[in-house]
Each structure stands twice: as structure tokens, then as C-alpha cells.
């Protein structure tokens, strides 16, 4: 999705709001806190600032924040089961602001990681995003980015989820091109300056195979291995990229 400069600036404003919400979610996520309460907080925060939570009602999703726990990769529904200390949780949130969408995600350990595996997953998933960013510029291919992410993640002993990918974002929440976190260089859609995409590595400590849970929403690893998720909305520039979901 190629945007006007005005559109990119509106996405930047919405993206700052999104980043503020993610900061609040991470700050307030402690053992004993109910995910549903954080969901309500996030919704109130953006609505009081003239924006809307992008995920609420999207495809029928019943909440504003995706809260995915331990083996859940994405699309976890925030419920009333309190967080547990050491639990690995992914927060995925989207904002609709003045007609433009932004999308970002962050994973954390509740009150600190309980083991080295969780800590390494968090480090690797975030670093993999920035490794992929080294390939982003006008004229590059999504395969260049995905291959770099995959190579880095697998070198650390983890796997990249195949069934879920990044995407274009802007006037629509999910648009072309698809942005896999795996693949081969010089393949897939070509990136052009002004395009806005969501790049979101999703990795697992075990197999990359996933299943959908009984609620029809949460996607978890088939072997119940731990997962982590990291995402930003970016704009492609002539020589690189600009992260729009930051404060």
C-alpha cells in the first residue's frame, strides 16, 4: 500500500498512540491482573483520544487487544484468568486513527522471565525484526526480509511460524503484500518507497506447526512450545525504512 506523505504522517500519529498503549499494557501486566481489565483500559485510552481499537469486531473478534499466552502465537482473547508470574505473553494491538490503521505487537514475561528459554525467545524475536530491517529499502523484495529473519531465528535454534505472516496496512488493516518471515531472496512482492507494511516475526521454541484452539480464535503451537511475537508498522523509504509505531 503506497501512501501519500499526509497519510504516512497520520499513521505516525496513530502509531504513537498505539506505542503508548503497548507501553501501558507492559507496565500494568503483573501476576494477578486479569487480561480483560487491560483490554478495557486499552480501549478507553484510544477512544478518549479520538481513535478506535482496530481489532474490536474485525472479523468478529470480541476484544480490542490480542493477548496470547505461552504457547499461543496470536489472536488470544483477553479473559478473566489472571496472569501468572513468569508467563510469556504477547500483546498485539491496532489503532484506527483518522482513516488509517497501524498495527504492532510486543511480547513480555510477566514479572520477569522464569527461565533462560523465555528470555532468549524475547531477545531473538525482537532482534530478528531488526535483522530483517537491514534488508528493507526501495526496490528490495519481501523475500529478502523474510529470508534474513528466518536465517537469524533458525541459527538461534528456534523456528519461524509459517502459517501466519505480516501484511500491508494503511487504509485497510490487512492488505497486500503478504510479508512472510521466511522464504528466499528476490522473491515475493517488491517494496517501493511510500509503501506501509506490518513486519511481525512470530517464532517458536519447538515446531512451527500451529493449530487453532476451540474458541476459534487463538492460534497455538501444535507441540505446545513457547512462542514470542514482535511487530511494527513501517514505511518504506528510498534507502531504508521508518518505524511508524513508536513514541
Protein backbone atom coordinates (compact mmCIF):
# COMPACT_ATOMS: atom_id res chain seq x y z
CA UNK A 1 0.00 0.00 0.00
CA UNK A 2 1.66 3.21 -1.17
CA UNK A 3 0.57 6.18 0.93
CA UNK A 4 0.71 9.93 0.49
CA UNK A 5 3.01 11.83 2.82
CA UNK A 6 -0.09 13.10 4.61
CA UNK A 7 -1.28 9.52 5.08
CA UNK A 8 2.06 8.45 6.48
CA UNK A 9 2.01 11.33 8.96
CA UNK A 10 -1.49 10.35 10.13
CA UNK A 11 -0.24 6.77 10.53
CA UNK A 12 2.67 8.10 12.56
CA UNK A 13 0.24 9.91 14.87
CA UNK A 14 -1.90 6.81 15.27
CA UNK A 15 1.24 4.73 15.68
CA UNK A 16 2.46 6.87 18.54
CA UNK A 17 -0.86 6.33 20.28
CA UNK A 18 -0.50 2.60 19.68
CA UNK A 19 3.01 2.59 21.13
CA UNK A 20 1.73 4.41 24.21
CA UNK A 21 -0.90 1.69 24.70
CA UNK A 22 1.67 -1.10 24.37
CA UNK A 23 3.82 0.65 26.97
CA UNK A 24 0.84 0.78 29.33
CA UNK A 25 -0.03 -2.87 28.74
CA UNK A 26 3.52 -3.97 29.53
CA UNK A 27 3.70 -1.66 32.55
CA UNK A 28 0.42 -2.89 34.05
CA UNK A 29 0.72 -6.60 33.26
CA UNK A 30 1.52 -8.29 36.56
CA UNK A 31 0.67 -11.58 38.23
CA UNK A 32 -2.93 -11.47 39.42
CA UNK A 33 -4.08 -8.92 36.84
CA UNK A 34 -6.89 -10.03 34.53
CA UNK A 35 -6.23 -9.62 30.78
CA UNK A 36 -9.82 -8.43 30.31
CA UNK A 37 -9.11 -5.44 32.55
CA UNK A 38 -6.11 -4.45 30.42
CA UNK A 39 -8.26 -4.82 27.31
CA UNK A 40 -10.80 -2.37 28.72
CA UNK A 41 -8.02 0.04 29.66
CA UNK A 42 -6.58 -0.03 26.13
CA UNK A 43 -9.97 0.60 24.55
CA UNK A 44 -10.74 3.51 26.86
CA UNK A 45 -7.30 5.03 26.28
CA UNK A 46 -7.56 5.21 22.49
CA UNK A 47 -11.23 6.14 22.36
CA UNK A 48 -10.65 9.05 24.74
CA UNK A 49 -8.05 10.34 22.27
CA UNK A 50 -10.22 10.26 19.17
CA UNK A 51 -9.13 6.88 17.82
CA UNK A 52 -10.61 3.40 17.69
CA UNK A 53 -9.20 -0.04 18.57
CA UNK A 54 -8.70 -1.66 15.17
CA UNK A 55 -9.25 -5.28 16.18
CA UNK A 56 -12.54 -4.89 18.03
CA UNK A 57 -15.20 -6.51 15.82
CA UNK A 58 -12.71 -7.16 12.98
CA UNK A 59 -13.88 -10.45 11.50
CA UNK A 60 -15.96 -10.81 14.64
CA UNK A 61 -13.05 -10.60 17.10
CA UNK A 62 -14.61 -9.83 20.51
CA UNK A 63 -11.86 -7.71 22.09
CA UNK A 64 -9.53 -4.77 21.47
CA UNK A 65 -6.21 -6.43 22.33
CA UNK A 66 -4.96 -9.86 21.31
CA UNK A 67 -3.42 -11.36 24.46
CA UNK A 68 -1.57 -14.57 23.63
CA UNK A 69 -0.14 -16.65 26.45
CA UNK A 70 2.82 -19.08 26.44
CA UNK A 71 2.15 -21.48 23.53
CA UNK A 72 -0.41 -19.15 21.93
CA UNK A 73 1.12 -17.37 18.95
CA UNK A 74 -1.61 -14.85 18.15
CA UNK A 75 -5.31 -13.94 18.49
CA UNK A 76 -5.72 -14.86 22.15
CA UNK A 77 -8.92 -13.42 23.61
CA UNK A 78 -8.27 -11.48 26.84
CA UNK A 79 -10.28 -13.22 29.55
CA UNK A 80 -10.59 -13.29 33.32
CA UNK A 81 -7.88 -15.84 34.12
CA UNK A 82 -5.21 -13.77 35.91
CA UNK A 83 -1.67 -13.58 34.62
CA UNK A 84 0.88 -15.84 36.30
CA UNK A 85 4.39 -14.80 37.27
CA UNK A 86 6.89 -15.84 34.62
CA UNK A 87 4.23 -16.36 31.96
CA UNK A 88 5.26 -15.35 28.43
CA UNK A 89 2.60 -13.04 26.98
CA UNK A 90 2.23 -11.36 23.61
CA UNK A 91 0.24 -8.14 23.29
CA UNK A 92 -0.94 -7.33 19.75
CA UNK A 93 -2.85 -4.09 19.22
CA UNK A 94 -4.10 -1.98 16.34
CA UNK A 95 -5.34 1.59 16.06
CA UNK A 96 -7.66 3.26 13.56
CA UNK A 97 -6.93 6.99 13.53
CA UNK A 98 -8.41 9.45 11.03
CA UNK A 99 -8.97 6.71 8.47
CA UNK A 100 -5.59 4.97 8.77
CA UNK A 101 -4.65 1.75 10.54
CA UNK A 102 -1.47 0.86 12.38
CA UNK A 103 -0.54 -2.50 13.91
CA UNK A 104 2.16 -3.53 16.40
CA UNK A 105 2.95 -6.23 18.94
CA UNK A 106 5.28 -6.87 21.84
CA UNK A 107 6.00 -9.92 23.99
CA UNK A 108 7.00 -9.89 27.66
CA UNK A 109 7.45 -12.15 30.67
CA UNK A 110 5.05 -11.33 33.49
CA UNK A 111 7.12 -10.03 36.43
CA UNK A 112 10.28 -11.31 34.76
CA UNK A 113 11.22 -14.46 32.87
CA UNK A 114 11.28 -17.67 34.88
CA UNK A 115 13.83 -19.42 32.66
CA UNK A 116 16.57 -18.79 30.12
CA UNK A 117 14.42 -20.12 27.27
CA UNK A 118 11.74 -17.45 27.68
CA UNK A 119 14.35 -14.73 27.99
CA UNK A 120 16.12 -15.91 24.84
CA UNK A 121 12.87 -16.10 22.87
CA UNK A 122 12.09 -12.48 23.71
CA UNK A 123 15.56 -11.36 22.72
CA UNK A 124 15.64 -13.34 19.48
CA UNK A 125 12.19 -12.32 18.24
CA UNK A 126 12.93 -8.62 18.67
CA UNK A 127 16.41 -8.86 17.22
CA UNK A 128 15.08 -10.84 14.24
CA UNK A 129 12.84 -7.90 13.36
CA UNK A 130 15.81 -5.54 13.24
CA UNK A 131 17.88 -8.07 11.28
CA UNK A 132 15.09 -8.12 8.71
CA UNK A 133 15.02 -4.33 8.63
CA UNK A 134 18.59 -4.32 7.33
CA UNK A 135 17.18 -5.55 4.00
CA UNK A 136 14.34 -3.03 3.75
CA UNK A 137 14.60 -0.29 1.12
CA UNK A 138 13.03 0.81 -2.14
CA UNK A 139 13.40 -2.00 -4.69
CA UNK A 140 14.00 -4.81 -2.21
CA UNK A 141 11.74 -7.86 -2.02
CA UNK A 142 9.72 -9.22 0.87
CA UNK A 143 11.66 -12.46 0.38
CA UNK A 144 14.88 -10.60 1.22
CA UNK A 145 13.38 -9.59 4.55
CA UNK A 146 11.77 -12.94 5.33
CA UNK A 147 14.88 -14.94 4.47
CA UNK A 148 17.01 -12.78 6.76
CA UNK A 149 14.55 -13.18 9.64
CA UNK A 150 14.31 -16.94 9.11
CA UNK A 151 18.07 -17.42 8.85
CA UNK A 152 18.68 -15.49 12.07
CA UNK A 153 15.93 -17.22 14.06
CA UNK A 154 16.90 -20.73 12.98
CA UNK A 155 20.56 -20.06 13.78
CA UNK A 156 19.41 -19.46 17.37
CA UNK A 157 17.70 -22.86 17.49
CA UNK A 158 14.13 -21.60 17.10
CA UNK A 159 11.56 -21.91 14.31
CA UNK A 160 9.59 -19.32 12.35
CA UNK A 161 5.83 -19.76 12.21
CA UNK A 162 4.81 -20.40 8.58
CA UNK A 163 1.01 -20.20 8.72
CA UNK A 164 0.97 -16.55 9.84
CA UNK A 165 2.62 -13.61 8.08
CA UNK A 166 2.92 -9.85 8.06
CA UNK A 167 0.90 -7.68 5.68
CA UNK A 168 0.29 -4.34 4.08
CA UNK A 169 -1.51 -1.83 6.29
CA UNK A 170 -2.87 1.68 5.86
CA UNK A 171 -6.38 2.45 4.68
CA UNK A 172 -7.07 -1.21 5.41
CA UNK A 173 -5.94 -3.24 8.40
CA UNK A 174 -4.86 -6.22 6.30
CA UNK A 175 -3.84 -5.61 2.69
CA UNK A 176 -1.31 -6.78 0.13
CA UNK A 177 1.52 -7.53 0.10
CA UNK A 178 1.90 -10.55 2.33
CA UNK A 179 5.14 -10.29 4.31
CA UNK A 180 6.33 -13.76 5.39
CA UNK A 181 9.06 -14.20 7.99
CA UNK A 182 10.63 -16.91 5.85
CA UNK A 183 11.43 -17.56 2.20
CA UNK A 184 14.09 -16.87 -0.38
CA UNK A 185 15.84 -13.68 -1.52
CA UNK A 186 14.49 -11.87 -4.60
CA UNK A 187 11.06 -13.49 -4.23
CA UNK A 188 7.62 -12.18 -3.35
CA UNK A 189 6.37 -8.64 -3.72
CA UNK A 190 8.79 -5.84 -4.41
CA UNK A 191 8.95 -3.00 -1.91
CA UNK A 192 8.60 0.61 -3.04
CA UNK A 193 9.09 3.92 -1.27
CA UNK A 194 5.85 5.05 0.34
CA UNK A 195 4.56 1.55 0.98
CA UNK A 196 3.42 0.82 4.52
CA UNK A 197 3.64 -2.72 5.87
CA UNK A 198 3.47 -4.57 9.17
CA UNK A 199 6.50 -6.78 9.74
CA UNK A 200 5.89 -9.25 12.55
CA UNK A 201 8.24 -12.14 13.35
CA UNK A 202 6.44 -14.94 15.19
CA UNK A 203 8.75 -17.65 16.49
CA UNK A 204 8.54 -20.86 18.49
CA UNK A 205 10.91 -22.78 20.72
CA UNK A 206 9.75 -26.00 19.05
CA UNK A 207 7.97 -26.81 15.80
CA UNK A 208 6.48 -24.13 13.56
CA UNK A 209 3.25 -26.09 13.11
CA UNK A 210 0.17 -24.45 14.64
CA UNK A 211 -3.45 -25.28 15.47
CA UNK A 212 -6.48 -23.14 16.27
CA UNK A 213 -7.96 -23.54 19.73
CA UNK A 214 -11.59 -24.42 20.46
CA UNK A 215 -12.66 -20.78 20.74
CA UNK A 216 -11.93 -20.43 17.02
CA UNK A 217 -9.50 -17.56 17.57
CA UNK A 218 -6.32 -18.33 19.50
CA UNK A 219 -3.60 -19.97 17.41
CA UNK A 220 -1.05 -22.01 19.34
CA UNK A 221 1.89 -24.24 18.56
CA UNK A 222 0.86 -27.82 17.84
CA UNK A 223 3.54 -29.12 20.23
CA UNK A 224 2.65 -26.53 22.91
CA UNK A 225 6.12 -25.00 22.75
CA UNK A 226 6.64 -21.41 23.90
CA UNK A 227 6.27 -18.60 21.38
CA UNK A 228 7.09 -14.91 21.02
CA UNK A 229 5.83 -12.15 18.70
CA UNK A 230 7.22 -8.73 17.80
CA UNK A 231 5.75 -6.28 15.29
CA UNK A 232 5.97 -2.74 13.97
CA UNK A 233 4.25 -0.88 11.17
CA UNK A 234 6.88 0.68 8.92
CA UNK A 235 7.02 2.95 5.89
CA UNK A 236 9.45 2.07 3.12
CA UNK A 237 11.86 4.88 2.21
CA UNK A 238 14.33 5.24 -0.65
CA UNK A 239 17.24 3.93 1.39
CA UNK A 240 15.57 2.12 4.27
CA UNK A 241 12.54 2.34 6.49
CA UNK A 242 10.72 4.47 9.04
CA UNK A 243 9.05 2.86 12.07
CA UNK A 244 5.61 4.44 12.49
CA UNK A 245 4.55 2.65 15.68
CA UNK A 246 6.91 4.27 18.16
CA UNK A 247 6.73 7.08 20.70
